[in-house]
Amino acid sequence: MTDQILTLKEVADYLKLAEKTAYRLAAEGQLPGFKVGGSWRFKKDDIEDWIAEQKASQ
């Protein structure tokens, strides 16, 4: 388990999404993240778990 924290840009790059799309998903609560001083941050482990859940639900 890593406690790596990613920025919105890093998550967007990791998921191959536009930053605007990643922001919208986070703001709607679909992408697991949290705000620090008004900026979105994401735990890499949470993002990887989210990817696994997305694959399992297909």
PDB file of N, CA and C in Angstrom:
ATOM      1  N   MET A   1       0.841  -1.186   0.000  1.00  0.00           N
ATOM      2  CA  MET A   1       0.000   0.000   0.000  1.00  0.00           C
ATOM      3  C   MET A   1       0.885   1.249   0.000  1.00  0.00           C
ATOM      4  N   THR A   2       0.641   2.111  -0.975  1.00  0.00           N
ATOM      5  CA  THR A   2       1.358   3.384  -1.009  1.00  0.00           C
ATOM      6  C   THR A   2       0.380   4.471  -0.609  1.00  0.00           C
ATOM      7  N   ASP A   3       0.896   5.483   0.035  1.00  0.00           N
ATOM      8  CA  ASP A   3       0.045   6.609   0.395  1.00  0.00           C
ATOM      9  C   ASP A   3       0.324   7.779  -0.536  1.00  0.00           C
ATOM     10  N   GLN A   4       0.557   7.456  -1.810  1.00  0.00           N
ATOM     11  CA  GLN A   4       0.854   8.497  -2.781  1.00  0.00           C
ATOM     12  C   GLN A   4      -0.390   9.336  -3.038  1.00  0.00           C
ATOM     13  N   ILE A   5      -0.214  10.656  -2.987  1.00  0.00           N
ATOM     14  CA  ILE A   5      -1.299  11.594  -3.228  1.00  0.00           C
ATOM     15  C   ILE A   5      -1.082  12.227  -4.599  1.00  0.00           C
ATOM     16  N   LEU A   6      -2.143  12.231  -5.404  1.00  0.00           N
ATOM     17  CA  LEU A   6      -2.063  12.773  -6.749  1.00  0.00           C
ATOM     18  C   LEU A   6      -2.877  14.059  -6.865  1.00  0.00           C
ATOM     19  N   THR A   7      -2.446  14.944  -7.737  1.00  0.00           N
ATOM     20  CA  THR A   7      -3.205  16.157  -8.036  1.00  0.00           C
ATOM     21  C   THR A   7      -4.253  15.829  -9.093  1.00  0.00           C
ATOM     22  N   LEU A   8      -5.123  16.779  -9.354  1.00  0.00           N
ATOM     23  CA  LEU A   8      -6.146  16.595 -10.385  1.00  0.00           C
ATOM     24  C   LEU A   8      -5.495  16.329 -11.741  1.00  0.00           C
ATOM     25  N   LYS A   9      -4.458  17.084 -12.068  1.00  0.00           N
ATOM     26  CA  LYS A   9      -3.769  16.896 -13.342  1.00  0.00           C
ATOM     27  C   LYS A   9      -3.157  15.502 -13.431  1.00  0.00           C
ATOM     28  N   GLU A  10      -2.530  15.050 -12.351  1.00  0.00           N
ATOM     29  CA  GLU A  10      -1.913  13.719 -12.347  1.00  0.00           C
ATOM     30  C   GLU A  10      -2.953  12.620 -12.504  1.00  0.00           C
ATOM     31  N   VAL A  11      -4.110  12.767 -11.845  1.00  0.00           N
ATOM     32  CA  VAL A  11      -5.185  11.770 -11.982  1.00  0.00           C
ATOM     33  C   VAL A  11      -5.727  11.777 -13.404  1.00  0.00           C
ATOM     34  N   ALA A  12      -5.917  12.959 -13.953  1.00  0.00           N
ATOM     35  CA  ALA A  12      -6.409  13.063 -15.328  1.00  0.00           C
ATOM     36  C   ALA A  12      -5.435  12.377 -16.291  1.00  0.00           C
ATOM     37  N   ASP A  13      -4.152  12.622 -16.116  1.00  0.00           N
ATOM     38  CA  ASP A  13      -3.139  11.974 -16.964  1.00  0.00           C
ATOM     39  C   ASP A  13      -3.150  10.471 -16.759  1.00  0.00           C
ATOM     40  N   TYR A  14      -3.233  10.033 -15.509  1.00  0.00           N
ATOM     41  CA  TYR A  14      -3.226   8.603 -15.173  1.00  0.00           C
ATOM     42  C   TYR A  14      -4.417   7.872 -15.801  1.00  0.00           C
ATOM     43  N   LEU A  15      -5.590   8.533 -15.778  1.00  0.00           N
ATOM     44  CA  LEU A  15      -6.803   7.927 -16.326  1.00  0.00           C
ATOM     45  C   LEU A  15      -7.012   8.269 -17.805  1.00  0.00           C
ATOM     46  N   LYS A  16      -6.092   9.062 -18.357  1.00  0.00           N
ATOM     47  CA  LYS A  16      -6.186   9.504 -19.750  1.00  0.00           C
ATOM     48  C   LYS A  16      -7.501  10.247 -20.013  1.00  0.00           C
ATOM     49  N   LEU A  17      -7.800  11.182 -19.110  1.00  0.00           N
ATOM     50  CA  LEU A  17      -8.992  12.025 -19.196  1.00  0.00           C
ATOM     51  C   LEU A  17      -8.577  13.479 -19.326  1.00  0.00           C
ATOM     52  N   ALA A  18      -9.492  14.293 -19.814  1.00  0.00           N
ATOM     53  CA  ALA A  18      -9.281  15.737 -19.757  1.00  0.00           C
ATOM     54  C   ALA A  18      -9.396  16.154 -18.288  1.00  0.00           C
ATOM     55  N   GLU A  19      -8.654  17.178 -17.906  1.00  0.00           N
ATOM     56  CA  GLU A  19      -8.729  17.654 -16.519  1.00  0.00           C
ATOM     57  C   GLU A  19     -10.155  18.056 -16.155  1.00  0.00           C
ATOM     58  N   LYS A  20     -10.857  18.654 -17.097  1.00  0.00           N
ATOM     59  CA  LYS A  20     -12.234  19.087 -16.863  1.00  0.00           C
ATOM     60  C   LYS A  20     -13.130  17.890 -16.531  1.00  0.00           C
ATOM     61  N   THR A  21     -12.931  16.778 -17.226  1.00  0.00           N
ATOM     62  CA  THR A  21     -13.720  15.569 -16.974  1.00  0.00           C
ATOM     63  C   THR A  21     -13.398  14.995 -15.600  1.00  0.00           C
ATOM     64  N   ALA A  22     -12.123  14.936 -15.256  1.00  0.00           N
ATOM     65  CA  ALA A  22     -11.718  14.432 -13.938  1.00  0.00           C
ATOM     66  C   ALA A  22     -12.300  15.319 -12.838  1.00  0.00           C
ATOM     67  N   TYR A  23     -12.278  16.634 -13.043  1.00  0.00           N
ATOM     68  CA  TYR A  23     -12.832  17.565 -12.064  1.00  0.00           C
ATOM     69  C   TYR A  23     -14.330  17.322 -11.887  1.00  0.00           C
ATOM     70  N   ARG A  24     -15.049  17.174 -13.006  1.00  0.00           N
ATOM     71  CA  ARG A  24     -16.496  16.951 -12.944  1.00  0.00           C
ATOM     72  C   ARG A  24     -16.816  15.654 -12.210  1.00  0.00           C
ATOM     73  N   LEU A  25     -16.086  14.579 -12.511  1.00  0.00           N
ATOM     74  CA  LEU A  25     -16.320  13.299 -11.847  1.00  0.00           C
ATOM     75  C   LEU A  25     -16.063  13.408 -10.343  1.00  0.00           C
ATOM     76  N   ALA A  26     -15.008  14.121  -9.971  1.00  0.00           N
ATOM     77  CA  ALA A  26     -14.701  14.298  -8.547  1.00  0.00           C
ATOM     78  C   ALA A  26     -15.781  15.146  -7.871  1.00  0.00           C
ATOM     79  N   ALA A  27     -16.179  16.231  -8.519  1.00  0.00           N
ATOM     80  CA  ALA A  27     -17.184  17.127  -7.936  1.00  0.00           C
ATOM     81  C   ALA A  27     -18.537  16.422  -7.780  1.00  0.00           C
ATOM     82  N   GLU A  28     -18.855  15.494  -8.677  1.00  0.00           N
ATOM     83  CA  GLU A  28     -20.111  14.739  -8.599  1.00  0.00           C
ATOM     84  C   GLU A  28     -20.019  13.558  -7.639  1.00  0.00           C
ATOM     85  N   GLY A  29     -18.833  13.329  -7.080  1.00  0.00           N
ATOM     86  CA  GLY A  29     -18.657  12.229  -6.135  1.00  0.00           C
ATOM     87  C   GLY A  29     -18.454  10.877  -6.795  1.00  0.00           C
ATOM     88  N   GLN A  30     -18.251  10.859  -8.098  1.00  0.00           N
ATOM     89  CA  GLN A  30     -18.051   9.596  -8.801  1.00  0.00           C
ATOM     90  C   GLN A  30     -16.596   9.129  -8.736  1.00  0.00           C
ATOM     91  N   LEU A  31     -15.683  10.070  -8.598  1.00  0.00           N
ATOM     92  CA  LEU A  31     -14.259   9.761  -8.505  1.00  0.00           C
ATOM     93  C   LEU A  31     -13.832  10.061  -7.072  1.00  0.00           C
ATOM     94  N   PRO A  32     -13.219   9.090  -6.386  1.00  0.00           N
ATOM     95  CA  PRO A  32     -12.882   9.294  -4.968  1.00  0.00           C
ATOM     96  C   PRO A  32     -11.739  10.289  -4.775  1.00  0.00           C
ATOM     97  N   GLY A  33     -12.053  11.387  -4.132  1.00  0.00           N
ATOM     98  CA  GLY A  33     -11.041  12.396  -3.875  1.00  0.00           C
ATOM     99  C   GLY A  33     -11.443  13.269  -2.706  1.00  0.00           C
ATOM    100  N   PHE A  34     -10.589  14.209  -2.382  1.00  0.00           N
ATOM    101  CA  PHE A  34     -10.860  15.136  -1.285  1.00  0.00           C
ATOM    102  C   PHE A  34     -10.203  16.468  -1.616  1.00  0.00           C
ATOM    103  N   LYS A  35     -10.701  17.501  -0.988  1.00  0.00           N
ATOM    104  CA  LYS A  35     -10.162  18.831  -1.231  1.00  0.00           C
ATOM    105  C   LYS A  35      -9.220  19.243  -0.106  1.00  0.00           C
ATOM    106  N   VAL A  36      -8.125  19.881  -0.502  1.00  0.00           N
ATOM    107  CA  VAL A  36      -7.172  20.461   0.437  1.00  0.00           C
ATOM    108  C   VAL A  36      -6.990  21.914   0.008  1.00  0.00           C
ATOM    109  N   GLY A  37      -7.471  22.813   0.830  1.00  0.00           N
ATOM    110  CA  GLY A  37      -7.357  24.228   0.496  1.00  0.00           C
ATOM    111  C   GLY A  37      -8.007  24.590  -0.829  1.00  0.00           C
ATOM    112  N   GLY A  38      -9.090  23.922  -1.163  1.00  0.00           N
ATOM    113  CA  GLY A  38      -9.801  24.222  -2.394  1.00  0.00           C
ATOM    114  C   GLY A  38      -9.320  23.464  -3.613  1.00  0.00           C
ATOM    115  N   SER A  39      -8.240  22.697  -3.484  1.00  0.00           N
ATOM    116  CA  SER A  39      -7.712  21.920  -4.605  1.00  0.00           C
ATOM    117  C   SER A  39      -7.975  20.439  -4.395  1.00  0.00           C
ATOM    118  N   TRP A  40      -8.356  19.748  -5.463  1.00  0.00           N
ATOM    119  CA  TRP A  40      -8.628  18.313  -5.370  1.00  0.00           C
ATOM    120  C   TRP A  40      -7.336  17.526  -5.232  1.00  0.00           C
ATOM    121  N   ARG A  41      -7.392  16.504  -4.386  1.00  0.00           N
ATOM    122  CA  ARG A  41      -6.295  15.551  -4.212  1.00  0.00           C
ATOM    123  C   ARG A  41      -6.892  14.151  -4.192  1.00  0.00           C
ATOM    124  N   PHE A  42      -6.096  13.176  -4.592  1.00  0.00           N
ATOM    125  CA  PHE A  42      -6.571  11.800  -4.723  1.00  0.00           C
ATOM    126  C   PHE A  42      -5.503  10.836  -4.233  1.00  0.00           C
ATOM    127  N   LYS A  43      -5.923   9.841  -3.449  1.00  0.00           N
ATOM    128  CA  LYS A  43      -4.994   8.784  -3.047  1.00  0.00           C
ATOM    129  C   LYS A  43      -4.906   7.786  -4.193  1.00  0.00           C
ATOM    130  N   LYS A  44      -3.700   7.453  -4.592  1.00  0.00           N
ATOM    131  CA  LYS A  44      -3.520   6.547  -5.726  1.00  0.00           C
ATOM    132  C   LYS A  44      -4.191   5.199  -5.465  1.00  0.00           C
ATOM    133  N   ASP A  45      -4.111   4.713  -4.232  1.00  0.00           N
ATOM    134  CA  ASP A  45      -4.764   3.434  -3.901  1.00  0.00           C
ATOM    135  C   ASP A  45      -6.275   3.512  -4.117  1.00  0.00           C
ATOM    136  N   ASP A  46      -6.879   4.641  -3.746  1.00  0.00           N
ATOM    137  CA  ASP A  46      -8.327   4.817  -3.943  1.00  0.00           C
ATOM    138  C   ASP A  46      -8.676   4.823  -5.426  1.00  0.00           C
ATOM    139  N   ILE A  47      -7.837   5.454  -6.231  1.00  0.00           N
ATOM    140  CA  ILE A  47      -8.083   5.501  -7.677  1.00  0.00           C
ATOM    141  C   ILE A  47      -7.966   4.098  -8.278  1.00  0.00           C
ATOM    142  N   GLU A  48      -6.969   3.340  -7.836  1.00  0.00           N
ATOM    143  CA  GLU A  48      -6.806   1.971  -8.346  1.00  0.00           C
ATOM    144  C   GLU A  48      -7.975   1.083  -7.923  1.00  0.00           C
ATOM    145  N   ASP A  49      -8.476   1.260  -6.697  1.00  0.00           N
ATOM    146  CA  ASP A  49      -9.665   0.522  -6.250  1.00  0.00           C
ATOM    147  C   ASP A  49     -10.883   0.912  -7.086  1.00  0.00           C
ATOM    148  N   TRP A  50     -11.003   2.215  -7.382  1.00  0.00           N
ATOM    149  CA  TRP A  50     -12.117   2.705  -8.194  1.00  0.00           C
ATOM    150  C   TRP A  50     -12.073   2.088  -9.594  1.00  0.00           C
ATOM    151  N   ILE A  51     -10.881   1.988 -10.168  1.00  0.00           N
ATOM    152  CA  ILE A  51     -10.728   1.369 -11.496  1.00  0.00           C
ATOM    153  C   ILE A  51     -11.189  -0.084 -11.443  1.00  0.00           C
ATOM    154  N   ALA A  52     -10.780  -0.814 -10.408  1.00  0.00           N
ATOM    155  CA  ALA A  52     -11.178  -2.226 -10.263  1.00  0.00           C
ATOM    156  C   ALA A  52     -12.700  -2.350 -10.141  1.00  0.00           C
ATOM    157  N   GLU A  53     -13.314  -1.436  -9.399  1.00  0.00           N
ATOM    158  CA  GLU A  53     -14.792  -1.458  -9.249  1.00  0.00           C
ATOM    159  C   GLU A  53     -15.458  -1.179 -10.584  1.00  0.00           C
ATOM    160  N   GLN A  54     -14.916  -0.254 -11.355  1.00  0.00           N
ATOM    161  CA  GLN A  54     -15.482   0.075 -12.666  1.00  0.00           C
ATOM    162  C   GLN A  54     -15.402  -1.136 -13.603  1.00  0.00           C
ATOM    163  N   LYS A  55     -14.279  -1.834 -13.553  1.00  0.00           N
ATOM    164  CA  LYS A  55     -14.113  -3.018 -14.399  1.00  0.00           C
ATOM    165  C   LYS A  55     -15.073  -4.131 -13.967  1.00  0.00           C
ATOM    166  N   ALA A  56     -15.275  -4.285 -12.665  1.00  0.00           N
ATOM    167  CA  ALA A  56     -16.136  -5.357 -12.139  1.00  0.00           C
ATOM    168  C   ALA A  56     -17.604  -5.098 -12.453  1.00  0.00           C
ATOM    169  N   SER A  57     -17.989  -3.833 -12.574  1.00  0.00           N
ATOM    170  CA  SER A  57     -19.398  -3.515 -12.791  1.00  0.00           C
ATOM    171  C   SER A  57     -19.797  -3.572 -14.269  1.00  0.00           C
ATOM    172  N   GLN A  58     -18.861  -3.883 -15.137  1.00  0.00           N
ATOM    173  CA  GLN A  58     -19.184  -3.948 -16.579  1.00  0.00           C
ATOM    174  C   GLN A  58     -19.692  -5.310 -16.969  1.00  0.00           C
TER     175      GLN A  58
END
